[in-house]
Structure formats: structure tokens, C-alpha cells
PDB file of N, CA and C in Angstrom:
ATOM      1  N   MET A   1     116.330 -77.883  56.545  1.00  0.00           N
ATOM      2  CA  MET A   1     115.659 -78.980  55.896  1.00  0.00           C
ATOM      3  C   MET A   1     114.302 -79.168  56.556  1.00  0.00           C
ATOM      4  N   GLY A   2     113.289 -79.442  55.759  1.00  0.00           N
ATOM      5  CA  GLY A   2     111.947 -79.626  56.285  1.00  0.00           C
ATOM      6  C   GLY A   2     111.671 -81.083  56.652  1.00  0.00           C
ATOM      7  N   TYR A   3     110.804 -81.238  57.601  1.00  0.00           N
ATOM      8  CA  TYR A   3     110.407 -82.576  58.039  1.00  0.00           C
ATOM      9  C   TYR A   3     108.909 -82.707  57.848  1.00  0.00           C
ATOM     10  N   PRO A   4     108.409 -83.864  57.570  1.00  0.00           N
ATOM     11  CA  PRO A   4     109.089 -85.134  57.421  1.00  0.00           C
ATOM     12  C   PRO A   4     109.869 -85.200  56.112  1.00  0.00           C
ATOM     13  N   CYS A   5     110.885 -86.086  56.085  1.00  0.00           N
ATOM     14  CA  CYS A   5     111.684 -86.299  54.875  1.00  0.00           C
ATOM     15  C   CYS A   5     112.239 -87.723  54.886  1.00  0.00           C
ATOM     16  N   TRP A   6     112.681 -88.151  53.712  1.00  0.00           N
ATOM     17  CA  TRP A   6     113.205 -89.510  53.564  1.00  0.00           C
ATOM     18  C   TRP A   6     114.717 -89.510  53.682  1.00  0.00           C
ATOM     19  N   ARG A   7     115.267 -90.600  54.252  1.00  0.00           N
ATOM     20  CA  ARG A   7     116.703 -90.811  54.308  1.00  0.00           C
ATOM     21  C   ARG A   7     116.981 -92.196  53.725  1.00  0.00           C
ATOM     22  N   TYR A   8     118.129 -92.319  53.053  1.00  0.00           N
ATOM     23  CA  TYR A   8     118.474 -93.538  52.327  1.00  0.00           C
ATOM     24  C   TYR A   8     119.826 -94.051  52.791  1.00  0.00           C
ATOM     25  N   HIS A   9     119.997 -95.383  52.757  1.00  0.00           N
ATOM     26  CA  HIS A   9     121.224 -96.024  53.214  1.00  0.00           C
ATOM     27  C   HIS A   9     121.520 -97.204  52.292  1.00  0.00           C
ATOM     28  N   LYS A  10     122.784 -97.540  52.129  1.00  0.00           N
ATOM     29  CA  LYS A  10     123.126 -98.635  51.222  1.00  0.00           C
ATOM     30  C   LYS A  10     122.759-100.008  51.799  1.00  0.00           C
ATOM     31  N   ASN A  11     122.627-100.131  53.105  1.00  0.00           N
ATOM     32  CA  ASN A  11     122.345-101.433  53.719  1.00  0.00           C
ATOM     33  C   ASN A  11     120.964-101.565  54.341  1.00  0.00           C
ATOM     34  N   PHE A  12     120.194-100.481  54.360  1.00  0.00           N
ATOM     35  CA  PHE A  12     118.898-100.511  55.033  1.00  0.00           C
ATOM     36  C   PHE A  12     117.823 -99.915  54.140  1.00  0.00           C
ATOM     37  N   PRO A  13     116.561-100.297  54.370  1.00  0.00           N
ATOM     38  CA  PRO A  13     115.474 -99.686  53.599  1.00  0.00           C
ATOM     39  C   PRO A  13     115.368 -98.189  53.920  1.00  0.00           C
ATOM     40  N   ALA A  14     114.808 -97.445  52.997  1.00  0.00           N
ATOM     41  CA  ALA A  14     114.610 -96.011  53.208  1.00  0.00           C
ATOM     42  C   ALA A  14     113.709 -95.801  54.430  1.00  0.00           C
ATOM     43  N   ARG A  15     113.943 -94.702  55.121  1.00  0.00           N
ATOM     44  CA  ARG A  15     113.149 -94.394  56.319  1.00  0.00           C
ATOM     45  C   ARG A  15     112.611 -92.978  56.239  1.00  0.00           C
ATOM     46  N   LEU A  16     111.382 -92.838  56.668  1.00  0.00           N
ATOM     47  CA  LEU A  16     110.761 -91.525  56.777  1.00  0.00           C
ATOM     48  C   LEU A  16     111.029 -91.013  58.186  1.00  0.00           C
ATOM     49  N   ILE A  17     111.642 -89.839  58.271  1.00  0.00           N
ATOM     50  CA  ILE A  17     111.930 -89.266  59.589  1.00  0.00           C
ATOM     51  C   ILE A  17     111.132 -87.988  59.761  1.00  0.00           C
ATOM     52  N   HIS A  18     110.840 -87.674  61.006  1.00  0.00           N
ATOM     53  CA  HIS A  18     109.934 -86.574  61.298  1.00  0.00           C
ATOM     54  C   HIS A  18     110.557 -85.406  62.047  1.00  0.00           C
ATOM     55  N   ASN A  19     111.813 -85.558  62.498  1.00  0.00           N
ATOM     56  CA  ASN A  19     112.432 -84.457  63.234  1.00  0.00           C
ATOM     57  C   ASN A  19     113.945 -84.645  63.257  1.00  0.00           C
ATOM     58  N   PRO A  20     114.691 -83.627  63.628  1.00  0.00           N
ATOM     59  CA  PRO A  20     116.147 -83.728  63.645  1.00  0.00           C
ATOM     60  C   PRO A  20     116.662 -84.814  64.588  1.00  0.00           C
ATOM     61  N   GLY A  21     115.970 -85.069  65.682  1.00  0.00           N
ATOM     62  CA  GLY A  21     116.396 -86.095  66.625  1.00  0.00           C
ATOM     63  C   GLY A  21     116.390 -87.476  65.982  1.00  0.00           C
ATOM     64  N   GLN A  22     115.351 -87.762  65.195  1.00  0.00           N
ATOM     65  CA  GLN A  22     115.299 -89.048  64.495  1.00  0.00           C
ATOM     66  C   GLN A  22     116.433 -89.146  63.479  1.00  0.00           C
ATOM     67  N   GLU A  23     116.756 -88.025  62.840  1.00  0.00           N
ATOM     68  CA  GLU A  23     117.829 -88.031  61.851  1.00  0.00           C
ATOM     69  C   GLU A  23     119.173 -88.336  62.511  1.00  0.00           C
ATOM     70  N   VAL A  24     119.444 -87.728  63.639  1.00  0.00           N
ATOM     71  CA  VAL A  24     120.688 -87.975  64.369  1.00  0.00           C
ATOM     72  C   VAL A  24     120.737 -89.436  64.832  1.00  0.00           C
ATOM     73  N   ALA A  25     119.586 -89.964  65.280  1.00  0.00           N
ATOM     74  CA  ALA A  25     119.534 -91.337  65.792  1.00  0.00           C
ATOM     75  C   ALA A  25     119.817 -92.376  64.707  1.00  0.00           C
ATOM     76  N   LEU A  26     119.631 -92.030  63.435  1.00  0.00           N
ATOM     77  CA  LEU A  26     119.903 -92.981  62.364  1.00  0.00           C
ATOM     78  C   LEU A  26     121.377 -93.386  62.332  1.00  0.00           C
ATOM     79  N   GLY A  27     122.261 -92.464  62.630  1.00  0.00           N
ATOM     80  CA  GLY A  27     123.684 -92.759  62.600  1.00  0.00           C
ATOM     81  C   GLY A  27     124.297 -92.454  61.240  1.00  0.00           C
ATOM     82  N   ALA A  28     125.486 -92.978  61.024  1.00  0.00           N
ATOM     83  CA  ALA A  28     126.256 -92.670  59.814  1.00  0.00           C
ATOM     84  C   ALA A  28     125.743 -93.436  58.602  1.00  0.00           C
ATOM     85  N   GLY A  29     126.013 -92.888  57.420  1.00  0.00           N
ATOM     86  CA  GLY A  29     125.729 -93.570  56.173  1.00  0.00           C
ATOM     87  C   GLY A  29     124.386 -93.240  55.547  1.00  0.00           C
ATOM     88  N   TRP A  30     123.596 -92.424  56.177  1.00  0.00           N
ATOM     89  CA  TRP A  30     122.273 -92.066  55.646  1.00  0.00           C
ATOM     90  C   TRP A  30     122.399 -90.790  54.826  1.00  0.00           C
ATOM     91  N   VAL A  31     121.743 -90.752  53.675  1.00  0.00           N
ATOM     92  CA  VAL A  31     121.798 -89.590  52.786  1.00  0.00           C
ATOM     93  C   VAL A  31     120.382 -89.166  52.415  1.00  0.00           C
ATOM     94  N   ASP A  32     120.281 -87.955  51.820  1.00  0.00           N
ATOM     95  CA  ASP A  32     118.958 -87.400  51.531  1.00  0.00           C
ATOM     96  C   ASP A  32     118.423 -87.718  50.132  1.00  0.00           C
ATOM     97  N   SER A  33     119.153 -88.524  49.371  1.00  0.00           N
ATOM     98  CA  SER A  33     118.717 -88.848  48.016  1.00  0.00           C
ATOM     99  C   SER A  33     119.179 -90.258  47.652  1.00  0.00           C
ATOM    100  N   PRO A  34     118.344 -91.046  46.988  1.00  0.00           N
ATOM    101  CA  PRO A  34     118.784 -92.375  46.577  1.00  0.00           C
ATOM    102  C   PRO A  34     119.985 -92.310  45.632  1.00  0.00           C
ATOM    103  N   ALA A  35     120.114 -91.217  44.888  1.00  0.00           N
ATOM    104  CA  ALA A  35     121.238 -91.065  43.959  1.00  0.00           C
ATOM    105  C   ALA A  35     122.564 -90.920  44.700  1.00  0.00           C
ATOM    106  N   LYS A  36     122.540 -90.487  45.947  1.00  0.00           N
ATOM    107  CA  LYS A  36     123.759 -90.282  46.726  1.00  0.00           C
ATOM    108  C   LYS A  36     124.215 -91.536  47.477  1.00  0.00           C
ATOM    109  N   VAL A  37     123.434 -92.615  47.391  1.00  0.00           N
ATOM    110  CA  VAL A  37     123.798 -93.842  48.100  1.00  0.00           C
ATOM    111  C   VAL A  37     124.946 -94.509  47.367  1.00  0.00           C
ATOM    112  N   ASP A  38     126.004 -94.828  48.103  1.00  0.00           N
ATOM    113  CA  ASP A  38     127.165 -95.529  47.533  1.00  0.00           C
ATOM    114  C   ASP A  38     126.850 -97.018  47.543  1.00  0.00           C
ATOM    115  N   ASP A  39     126.661 -97.606  46.344  1.00  0.00           N
ATOM    116  CA  ASP A  39     126.298 -99.012  46.231  1.00  0.00           C
ATOM    117  C   ASP A  39     127.510 -99.925  46.123  1.00  0.00           C
ATOM    118  N   GLY A  40     128.693 -99.416  46.326  1.00  0.00           N
ATOM    119  CA  GLY A  40     129.908-100.196  46.129  1.00  0.00           C
ATOM    120  C   GLY A  40     129.906-101.541  46.840  1.00  0.00           C
ATOM    121  N   ASP A  41     129.787-101.580  48.129  1.00  0.00           N
ATOM    122  CA  ASP A  41     129.816-102.832  48.893  1.00  0.00           C
ATOM    123  C   ASP A  41     128.508-103.033  49.650  1.00  0.00           C
ATOM    124  N   ALA A  42     127.436-102.673  49.016  1.00  0.00           N
ATOM    125  CA  ALA A  42     126.146-102.724  49.711  1.00  0.00           C
ATOM    126  C   ALA A  42     125.733-104.150  50.010  1.00  0.00           C
ATOM    127  N   ALA A  43     125.278-104.339  51.198  1.00  0.00           N
ATOM    128  CA  ALA A  43     124.696-105.625  51.581  1.00  0.00           C
ATOM    129  C   ALA A  43     123.254-105.654  51.082  1.00  0.00           C
ATOM    130  N   PRO A  44     122.680-106.818  50.853  1.00  0.00           N
ATOM    131  CA  PRO A  44     121.301-106.860  50.388  1.00  0.00           C
ATOM    132  C   PRO A  44     120.357-106.266  51.429  1.00  0.00           C
ATOM    133  N   VAL A  45     119.369-105.567  50.948  1.00  0.00           N
ATOM    134  CA  VAL A  45     118.384-104.948  51.823  1.00  0.00           C
ATOM    135  C   VAL A  45     117.349-106.004  52.184  1.00  0.00           C
ATOM    136  N   ALA A  46     117.028-106.082  53.428  1.00  0.00           N
ATOM    137  CA  ALA A  46     116.031-107.061  53.881  1.00  0.00           C
ATOM    138  C   ALA A  46     114.688-106.757  53.243  1.00  0.00           C
ATOM    139  N   THR A  47     114.065-107.785  52.690  1.00  0.00           N
ATOM    140  CA  THR A  47     112.766-107.594  52.053  1.00  0.00           C
ATOM    141  C   THR A  47     111.627-108.126  52.903  1.00  0.00           C
ATOM    142  N   GLU A  48     111.943-108.912  53.923  1.00  0.00           N
ATOM    143  CA  GLU A  48     110.906-109.442  54.798  1.00  0.00           C
ATOM    144  C   GLU A  48     110.798-108.587  56.046  1.00  0.00           C
ATOM    145  N   PRO A  49     109.578-108.432  56.557  1.00  0.00           N
ATOM    146  CA  PRO A  49     109.437-107.666  57.797  1.00  0.00           C
ATOM    147  C   PRO A  49     110.072-108.432  58.959  1.00  0.00           C
ATOM    148  N   PRO A  50     110.436-107.725  60.001  1.00  0.00           N
ATOM    149  CA  PRO A  50     111.014-108.417  61.161  1.00  0.00           C
ATOM    150  C   PRO A  50     109.993-109.384  61.744  1.00  0.00           C
ATOM    151  N   PRO A  51     110.435-110.416  62.437  1.00  0.00           N
ATOM    152  CA  PRO A  51     109.488-111.368  63.008  1.00  0.00           C
ATOM    153  C   PRO A  51     108.564-110.704  64.019  1.00  0.00           C
ATOM    154  N   THR A  52     107.354-111.206  64.077  1.00  0.00           N
ATOM    155  CA  THR A  52     106.366-110.682  65.020  1.00  0.00           C
ATOM    156  C   THR A  52     106.765-111.106  66.430  1.00  0.00           C
ATOM    157  N   PRO A  53     106.813-110.161  67.360  1.00  0.00           N
ATOM    158  CA  PRO A  53     107.179-110.534  68.727  1.00  0.00           C
ATOM    159  C   PRO A  53     106.150-111.507  69.298  1.00  0.00           C
ATOM    160  N   GLN A  54     106.625-112.493  70.014  1.00  0.00           N
ATOM    161  CA  GLN A  54     105.748-113.479  70.631  1.00  0.00           C
ATOM    162  C   GLN A  54     105.329-112.980  72.012  1.00  0.00           C
ATOM    163  N   PRO A  55     104.100-113.316  72.408  1.00  0.00           N
ATOM    164  CA  PRO A  55     103.681-112.898  73.746  1.00  0.00           C
ATOM    165  C   PRO A  55     104.509-113.616  74.804  1.00  0.00           C
ATOM    166  N   PRO A  56     104.651-113.003  75.965  1.00  0.00           N
ATOM    167  CA  PRO A  56     105.424-113.659  77.017  1.00  0.00           C
ATOM    168  C   PRO A  56     104.707-114.933  77.480  1.00  0.00           C
ATOM    169  N   PRO A  57     105.445-115.874  78.021  1.00  0.00           N
ATOM    170  CA  PRO A  57     104.790-117.081  78.512  1.00  0.00           C
ATOM    171  C   PRO A  57     103.863-116.735  79.665  1.00  0.00           C
ATOM    172  N   PRO A  58     102.824-117.533  79.858  1.00  0.00           N
ATOM    173  CA  PRO A  58     101.909-117.240  80.958  1.00  0.00           C
ATOM    174  C   PRO A  58     102.622-117.304  82.295  1.00  0.00           C
ATOM    175  N   ALA A  59     102.159-116.500  83.190  1.00  0.00           N
ATOM    176  CA  ALA A  59     102.757-116.471  84.521  1.00  0.00           C
ATOM    177  C   ALA A  59     102.472-117.802  85.216  1.00  0.00           C
ATOM    178  N   GLU A  60     103.388-118.200  86.082  1.00  0.00           N
ATOM    179  CA  GLU A  60     103.176-119.429  86.820  1.00  0.00           C
ATOM    180  C   GLU A  60     102.005-119.267  87.772  1.00  0.00           C
ATOM    181  N   ILE A  61     101.227-120.324  87.888  1.00  0.00           N
ATOM    182  CA  ILE A  61     100.107-120.335  88.827  1.00  0.00           C
ATOM    183  C   ILE A  61     100.691-120.652  90.202  1.00  0.00           C
ATOM    184  N   PRO A  62     100.454-119.783  91.190  1.00  0.00           N
ATOM    185  CA  PRO A  62     101.008-120.059  92.515  1.00  0.00           C
ATOM    186  C   PRO A  62     100.339-121.290  93.135  1.00  0.00           C
ATOM    187  N   LEU A  63     101.107-122.005  93.914  1.00  0.00           N
ATOM    188  CA  LEU A  63     100.556-123.160  94.609  1.00  0.00           C
ATOM    189  C   LEU A  63      99.649-122.694  95.737  1.00  0.00           C
ATOM    190  N   LEU A  64      98.735-123.566  96.126  1.00  0.00           N
ATOM    191  CA  LEU A  64      97.793-123.243  97.198  1.00  0.00           C
ATOM    192  C   LEU A  64      98.467-123.443  98.547  1.00  0.00           C
ATOM    193  N   ASN A  65      98.083-122.605  99.516  1.00  0.00           N
ATOM    194  CA  ASN A  65      98.624-122.803 100.854  1.00  0.00           C
ATOM    195  C   ASN A  65      97.758-123.821 101.603  1.00  0.00           C
ATOM    196  N   ALA A  66      98.241-124.284 102.750  1.00  0.00           N
ATOM    197  CA  ALA A  66      97.558-125.336 103.507  1.00  0.00           C
ATOM    198  C   ALA A  66      96.136-124.927 103.891  1.00  0.00           C
ATOM    199  N   GLU A  67      95.963-123.675 104.254  1.00  0.00           N
ATOM    200  CA  GLU A  67      94.630-123.193 104.657  1.00  0.00           C
ATOM    201  C   GLU A  67      93.642-123.288 103.497  1.00  0.00           C
ATOM    202  N   HIS A  68      94.085-122.902 102.314  1.00  0.00           N
ATOM    203  CA  HIS A  68      93.223-122.957 101.134  1.00  0.00           C
ATOM    204  C   HIS A  68      92.924-124.413 100.772  1.00  0.00           C
ATOM    205  N   LEU A  69      93.941-125.270 100.840  1.00  0.00           N
ATOM    206  CA  LEU A  69      93.728-126.690 100.562  1.00  0.00           C
ATOM    207  C   LEU A  69      92.687-127.273 101.511  1.00  0.00           C
ATOM    208  N   ASP A  70      92.822-126.967 102.808  1.00  0.00           N
ATOM    209  CA  ASP A  70      91.877-127.495 103.797  1.00  0.00           C
ATOM    210  C   ASP A  70      90.464-126.979 103.557  1.00  0.00           C
ATOM    211  N   ALA A  71      90.354-125.713 103.118  1.00  0.00           N
ATOM    212  CA  ALA A  71      89.029-125.152 102.839  1.00  0.00           C
ATOM    213  C   ALA A  71      88.381-125.866 101.654  1.00  0.00           C
ATOM    214  N   LEU A  72      89.169-126.166 100.627  1.00  0.00           N
ATOM    215  CA  LEU A  72      88.630-126.875  99.466  1.00  0.00           C
ATOM    216  C   LEU A  72      88.248-128.312  99.802  1.00  0.00           C
ATOM    217  N   LEU A  73      88.929-128.910 100.773  1.00  0.00           N
ATOM    218  CA  LEU A  73      88.671-130.297 101.139  1.00  0.00           C
ATOM    219  C   LEU A  73      87.691-130.441 102.295  1.00  0.00           C
ATOM    220  N   ALA A  74      87.173-129.316 102.815  1.00  0.00           N
ATOM    221  CA  ALA A  74      86.239-129.362 103.938  1.00  0.00           C
ATOM    222  C   ALA A  74      84.867-129.830 103.460  1.00  0.00           C
ATOM    223  N   GLY A  75      84.206-130.601 104.292  1.00  0.00           N
ATOM    224  CA  GLY A  75      82.849-131.050 103.981  1.00  0.00           C
ATOM    225  C   GLY A  75      82.818-132.531 103.659  1.00  0.00           C
ATOM    226  N   ASN A  76      81.619-132.995 103.305  1.00  0.00           N
ATOM    227  CA  ASN A  76      81.482-134.416 103.005  1.00  0.00           C
ATOM    228  C   ASN A  76      82.011-134.730 101.608  1.00  0.00           C
ATOM    229  N   VAL A  77      82.067-136.012 101.287  1.00  0.00           N
ATOM    230  CA  VAL A  77      82.649-136.454 100.027  1.00  0.00           C
ATOM    231  C   VAL A  77      81.921-135.849  98.830  1.00  0.00           C
ATOM    232  N   ALA A  78      80.599-135.807  98.873  1.00  0.00           N
ATOM    233  CA  ALA A  78      79.827-135.272  97.742  1.00  0.00           C
ATOM    234  C   ALA A  78      80.128-133.789  97.514  1.00  0.00           C
ATOM    235  N   THR A  79      80.215-133.028  98.583  1.00  0.00           N
ATOM    236  CA  THR A  79      80.485-131.589  98.477  1.00  0.00           C
ATOM    237  C   THR A  79      81.880-131.348  97.910  1.00  0.00           C
ATOM    238  N   VAL A  80      82.855-132.057  98.447  1.00  0.00           N
ATOM    239  CA  VAL A  80      84.236-131.877  97.985  1.00  0.00           C
ATOM    240  C   VAL A  80      84.365-132.348  96.534  1.00  0.00           C
ATOM    241  N   SER A  81      83.736-133.451  96.207  1.00  0.00           N
ATOM    242  CA  SER A  81      83.787-133.962  94.840  1.00  0.00           C
ATOM    243  C   SER A  81      83.210-132.953  93.853  1.00  0.00           C
ATOM    244  N   ALA A  82      82.124-132.286  94.238  1.00  0.00           N
ATOM    245  CA  ALA A  82      81.516-131.274  93.368  1.00  0.00           C
ATOM    246  C   ALA A  82      82.465-130.087  93.164  1.00  0.00           C
ATOM    247  N   ARG A  83      83.226-129.723  94.194  1.00  0.00           N
ATOM    248  CA  ARG A  83      84.180-128.601  94.066  1.00  0.00           C
ATOM    249  C   ARG A  83      85.278-128.902  93.052  1.00  0.00           C
ATOM    250  N   MET A  84      85.639-130.159  92.918  1.00  0.00           N
ATOM    251  CA  MET A  84      86.743-130.534  92.028  1.00  0.00           C
ATOM    252  C   MET A  84      86.450-130.142  90.576  1.00  0.00           C
ATOM    253  N   ALA A  85      85.169-130.128  90.197  1.00  0.00           N
ATOM    254  CA  ALA A  85      84.797-129.783  88.820  1.00  0.00           C
ATOM    255  C   ALA A  85      85.151-128.339  88.473  1.00  0.00           C
ATOM    256  N   ASP A  86      85.284-127.493  89.488  1.00  0.00           N
ATOM    257  CA  ASP A  86      85.601-126.078  89.255  1.00  0.00           C
ATOM    258  C   ASP A  86      87.098-125.800  89.194  1.00  0.00           C
ATOM    259  N   ILE A  87      87.918-126.787  89.489  1.00  0.00           N
ATOM    260  CA  ILE A  87      89.369-126.582  89.524  1.00  0.00           C
ATOM    261  C   ILE A  87      89.961-127.025  88.188  1.00  0.00           C
ATOM    262  N   SER A  88      90.724-126.115  87.562  1.00  0.00           N
ATOM    263  CA  SER A  88      91.275-126.416  86.242  1.00  0.00           C
ATOM    264  C   SER A  88      92.804-126.445  86.218  1.00  0.00           C
ATOM    265  N   GLU A  89      93.437-126.240  87.343  1.00  0.00           N
ATOM    266  CA  GLU A  89      94.896-126.277  87.404  1.00  0.00           C
ATOM    267  C   GLU A  89      95.355-127.649  87.883  1.00  0.00           C
ATOM    268  N   VAL A  90      96.106-128.336  87.038  1.00  0.00           N
ATOM    269  CA  VAL A  90      96.586-129.676  87.359  1.00  0.00           C
ATOM    270  C   VAL A  90      97.435-129.651  88.632  1.00  0.00           C
ATOM    271  N   ASP A  91      98.277-128.635  88.783  1.00  0.00           N
ATOM    272  CA  ASP A  91      99.120-128.548  89.985  1.00  0.00           C
ATOM    273  C   ASP A  91      98.287-128.419  91.247  1.00  0.00           C
ATOM    274  N   HIS A  92      97.184-127.687  91.189  1.00  0.00           N
ATOM    275  CA  HIS A  92      96.325-127.541  92.362  1.00  0.00           C
ATOM    276  C   HIS A  92      95.666-128.874  92.700  1.00  0.00           C
ATOM    277  N   LEU A  93      95.220-129.586  91.665  1.00  0.00           N
ATOM    278  CA  LEU A  93      94.598-130.889  91.909  1.00  0.00           C
ATOM    279  C   LEU A  93      95.608-131.869  92.501  1.00  0.00           C
ATOM    280  N   ALA A  94      96.848-131.808  92.041  1.00  0.00           N
ATOM    281  CA  ALA A  94      97.882-132.677  92.595  1.00  0.00           C
ATOM    282  C   ALA A  94      98.129-132.345  94.065  1.00  0.00           C
ATOM    283  N   GLN A  95      98.130-131.065  94.399  1.00  0.00           N
ATOM    284  CA  GLN A  95      98.282-130.662  95.798  1.00  0.00           C
ATOM    285  C   GLN A  95      97.117-131.178  96.641  1.00  0.00           C
ATOM    286  N   LEU A  96      95.908-131.023  96.102  1.00  0.00           N
ATOM    287  CA  LEU A  96      94.722-131.478  96.839  1.00  0.00           C
ATOM    288  C   LEU A  96      94.770-132.985  97.067  1.00  0.00           C
ATOM    289  N   SER A  97      95.190-133.715  96.057  1.00  0.00           N
ATOM    290  CA  SER A  97      95.282-135.167  96.176  1.00  0.00           C
ATOM    291  C   SER A  97      96.278-135.566  97.268  1.00  0.00           C
ATOM    292  N   ALA A  98      97.433-134.935  97.269  1.00  0.00           N
ATOM    293  CA  ALA A  98      98.448-135.244  98.277  1.00  0.00           C
ATOM    294  C   ALA A  98      97.955-134.892  99.672  1.00  0.00           C
ATOM    295  N   ARG A  99      97.287-133.744  99.793  1.00  0.00           N
ATOM    296  CA  ARG A  99      96.782-133.306 101.102  1.00  0.00           C
ATOM    297  C   ARG A  99      95.710-134.265 101.610  1.00  0.00           C
ATOM    298  N   GLU A 100      94.772-134.624 100.746  1.00  0.00           N
ATOM    299  CA  GLU A 100      93.694-135.540 101.136  1.00  0.00           C
ATOM    300  C   GLU A 100      94.269-136.908 101.498  1.00  0.00           C
ATOM    301  N   ASP A 101      95.211-137.376 100.718  1.00  0.00           N
ATOM    302  CA  ASP A 101      95.795-138.696 100.949  1.00  0.00           C
ATOM    303  C   ASP A 101      96.496-138.772 102.303  1.00  0.00           C
ATOM    304  N   THR A 102      97.187-137.697 102.685  1.00  0.00           N
ATOM    305  CA  THR A 102      97.938-137.721 103.947  1.00  0.00           C
ATOM    306  C   THR A 102      97.100-137.344 105.170  1.00  0.00           C
ATOM    307  N   HIS A 103      95.970-136.650 104.963  1.00  0.00           N
ATOM    308  CA  HIS A 103      95.192-136.203 106.123  1.00  0.00           C
ATOM    309  C   HIS A 103      93.939-137.039 106.389  1.00  0.00           C
ATOM    310  N   LYS A 104      93.119-137.239 105.396  1.00  0.00           N
ATOM    311  CA  LYS A 104      91.861-137.953 105.625  1.00  0.00           C
ATOM    312  C   LYS A 104      91.773-139.239 104.821  1.00  0.00           C
ATOM    313  N   GLY A 105      92.311-139.240 103.616  1.00  0.00           N
ATOM    314  CA  GLY A 105      92.330-140.439 102.801  1.00  0.00           C
ATOM    315  C   GLY A 105      90.971-140.920 102.338  1.00  0.00           C
ATOM    316  N   ARG A 106      90.023-140.004 102.162  1.00  0.00           N
ATOM    317  CA  ARG A 106      88.692-140.421 101.702  1.00  0.00           C
ATOM    318  C   ARG A 106      88.778-140.882 100.252  1.00  0.00           C
ATOM    319  N   LYS A 107      88.429-142.122 100.024  1.00  0.00           N
ATOM    320  CA  LYS A 107      88.547-142.704  98.689  1.00  0.00           C
ATOM    321  C   LYS A 107      87.653-141.990  97.674  1.00  0.00           C
ATOM    322  N   GLY A 108      86.477-141.559  98.072  1.00  0.00           N
ATOM    323  CA  GLY A 108      85.576-140.855  97.161  1.00  0.00           C
ATOM    324  C   GLY A 108      86.158-139.530  96.686  1.00  0.00           C
ATOM    325  N   VAL A 109      86.806-138.809  97.599  1.00  0.00           N
ATOM    326  CA  VAL A 109      87.441-137.532  97.243  1.00  0.00           C
ATOM    327  C   VAL A 109      88.630-137.789  96.321  1.00  0.00           C
ATOM    328  N   LEU A 110      89.456-138.762  96.678  1.00  0.00           N
ATOM    329  CA  LEU A 110      90.614-139.081  95.840  1.00  0.00           C
ATOM    330  C   LEU A 110      90.172-139.525  94.451  1.00  0.00           C
ATOM    331  N   LYS A 111      89.071-140.266  94.384  1.00  0.00           N
ATOM    332  CA  LYS A 111      88.542-140.708  93.092  1.00  0.00           C
ATOM    333  C   LYS A 111      88.065-139.502  92.273  1.00  0.00           C
ATOM    334  N   ALA A 112      87.419-138.536  92.915  1.00  0.00           N
ATOM    335  CA  ALA A 112      86.943-137.331  92.221  1.00  0.00           C
ATOM    336  C   ALA A 112      88.116-136.503  91.698  1.00  0.00           C
ATOM    337  N   ILE A 113      89.166-136.395  92.504  1.00  0.00           N
ATOM    338  CA  ILE A 113      90.353-135.638  92.077  1.00  0.00           C
ATOM    339  C   ILE A 113      91.001-136.343  90.882  1.00  0.00           C
ATOM    340  N   THR A 114      91.139-137.659  90.966  1.00  0.00           N
ATOM    341  CA  THR A 114      91.738-138.424  89.864  1.00  0.00           C
ATOM    342  C   THR A 114      90.910-138.278  88.591  1.00  0.00           C
ATOM    343  N   ALA A 115      89.586-138.334  88.722  1.00  0.00           N
ATOM    344  CA  ALA A 115      88.709-138.186  87.547  1.00  0.00           C
ATOM    345  C   ALA A 115      88.871-136.801  86.925  1.00  0.00           C
ATOM    346  N   ARG A 116      88.995-135.772  87.762  1.00  0.00           N
ATOM    347  CA  ARG A 116      89.172-134.409  87.239  1.00  0.00           C
ATOM    348  C   ARG A 116      90.525-134.269  86.548  1.00  0.00           C
ATOM    349  N   LEU A 117      91.566-134.844  87.132  1.00  0.00           N
ATOM    350  CA  LEU A 117      92.878-134.827  86.500  1.00  0.00           C
ATOM    351  C   LEU A 117      92.833-135.517  85.137  1.00  0.00           C
ATOM    352  N   ASP A 118      92.169-136.678  85.083  1.00  0.00           N
ATOM    353  CA  ASP A 118      92.059-137.394  83.826  1.00  0.00           C
ATOM    354  C   ASP A 118      91.322-136.569  82.778  1.00  0.00           C
ATOM    355  N   ALA A 119      90.261-135.872  83.204  1.00  0.00           N
ATOM    356  CA  ALA A 119      89.491-135.047  82.282  1.00  0.00           C
ATOM    357  C   ALA A 119      90.324-133.894  81.720  1.00  0.00           C
ATOM    358  N   LEU A 120      91.143-133.289  82.570  1.00  0.00           N
ATOM    359  CA  LEU A 120      91.966-132.167  82.132  1.00  0.00           C
ATOM    360  C   LEU A 120      93.114-132.621  81.234  1.00  0.00           C
ATOM    361  N   GLU A 121      93.684-133.762  81.531  1.00  0.00           N
ATOM    362  CA  GLU A 121      94.843-134.226  80.783  1.00  0.00           C
ATOM    363  C   GLU A 121      94.458-135.007  79.529  1.00  0.00           C
ATOM    364  N   GLY A 122      93.227-135.441  79.460  1.00  0.00           N
ATOM    365  CA  GLY A 122      92.798-136.270  78.325  1.00  0.00           C
ATOM    366  C   GLY A 122      92.114-135.512  77.290  1.00  0.00           C
TER     367      GLY A 122
END
């Protein structure tokens, strides 16, 4: 038998196969002519394409370590406040807020972090 060729089944749409391996992989019930298909107890053939696979969920953003947190919070209030505008991960901002609150407690920095959180969440 020459390839490519069509194979037919009572429960599945016709398939074009390109080699003997694909033909074997089809399994039982496939024939070489639509006239040879036994329609006795045929299930309806699906007319809709299979659903489109969805992309995987985004990977989790790792939390910052203490050294990185301290580096982001180093400097005066104006410098640290300006850095907050570049941070877009809510979890990182929450970490920074907790670290600042427990270590230095600068109200200007905490206010900048809160403003950035509000901007991202609003």
C-alpha cells in the first residue's frame, strides 16, 4: 500500500497517514475505504476541533532575600522612595514594607511603598 493514504473509522474522523507506523498506531477499527466502515453502532463523529491548550500559569516570583531587601532600602528617604516606582511585584513591596517597618520605620519610605501598592492594585 502506498503512503500517504486515508483511513476511516466509524467513531472518528478520517485521518491521513504517512507511513506504516502511523497506521499501526491508529489501532483497531480503521479501514481503507469509507464504504467498508460498519455504521451499525457508530457514535457521532466530533465536529468541533479539540479545545486550544491553555498556556501554563506564570511561574511564581521568588521572594527577595534579606540582603536584597536591605540594598533596596539603603539610602535616604527620597532615594528609596524613587526606587519604589520601579518595583511592580506586590509581594516584593509587601516584603519591603515589613522590613522597613521592623528595622528603620521611616514614615516617608513606608508612605512611598503604600502609594506604590495602591497604584498597582488600583
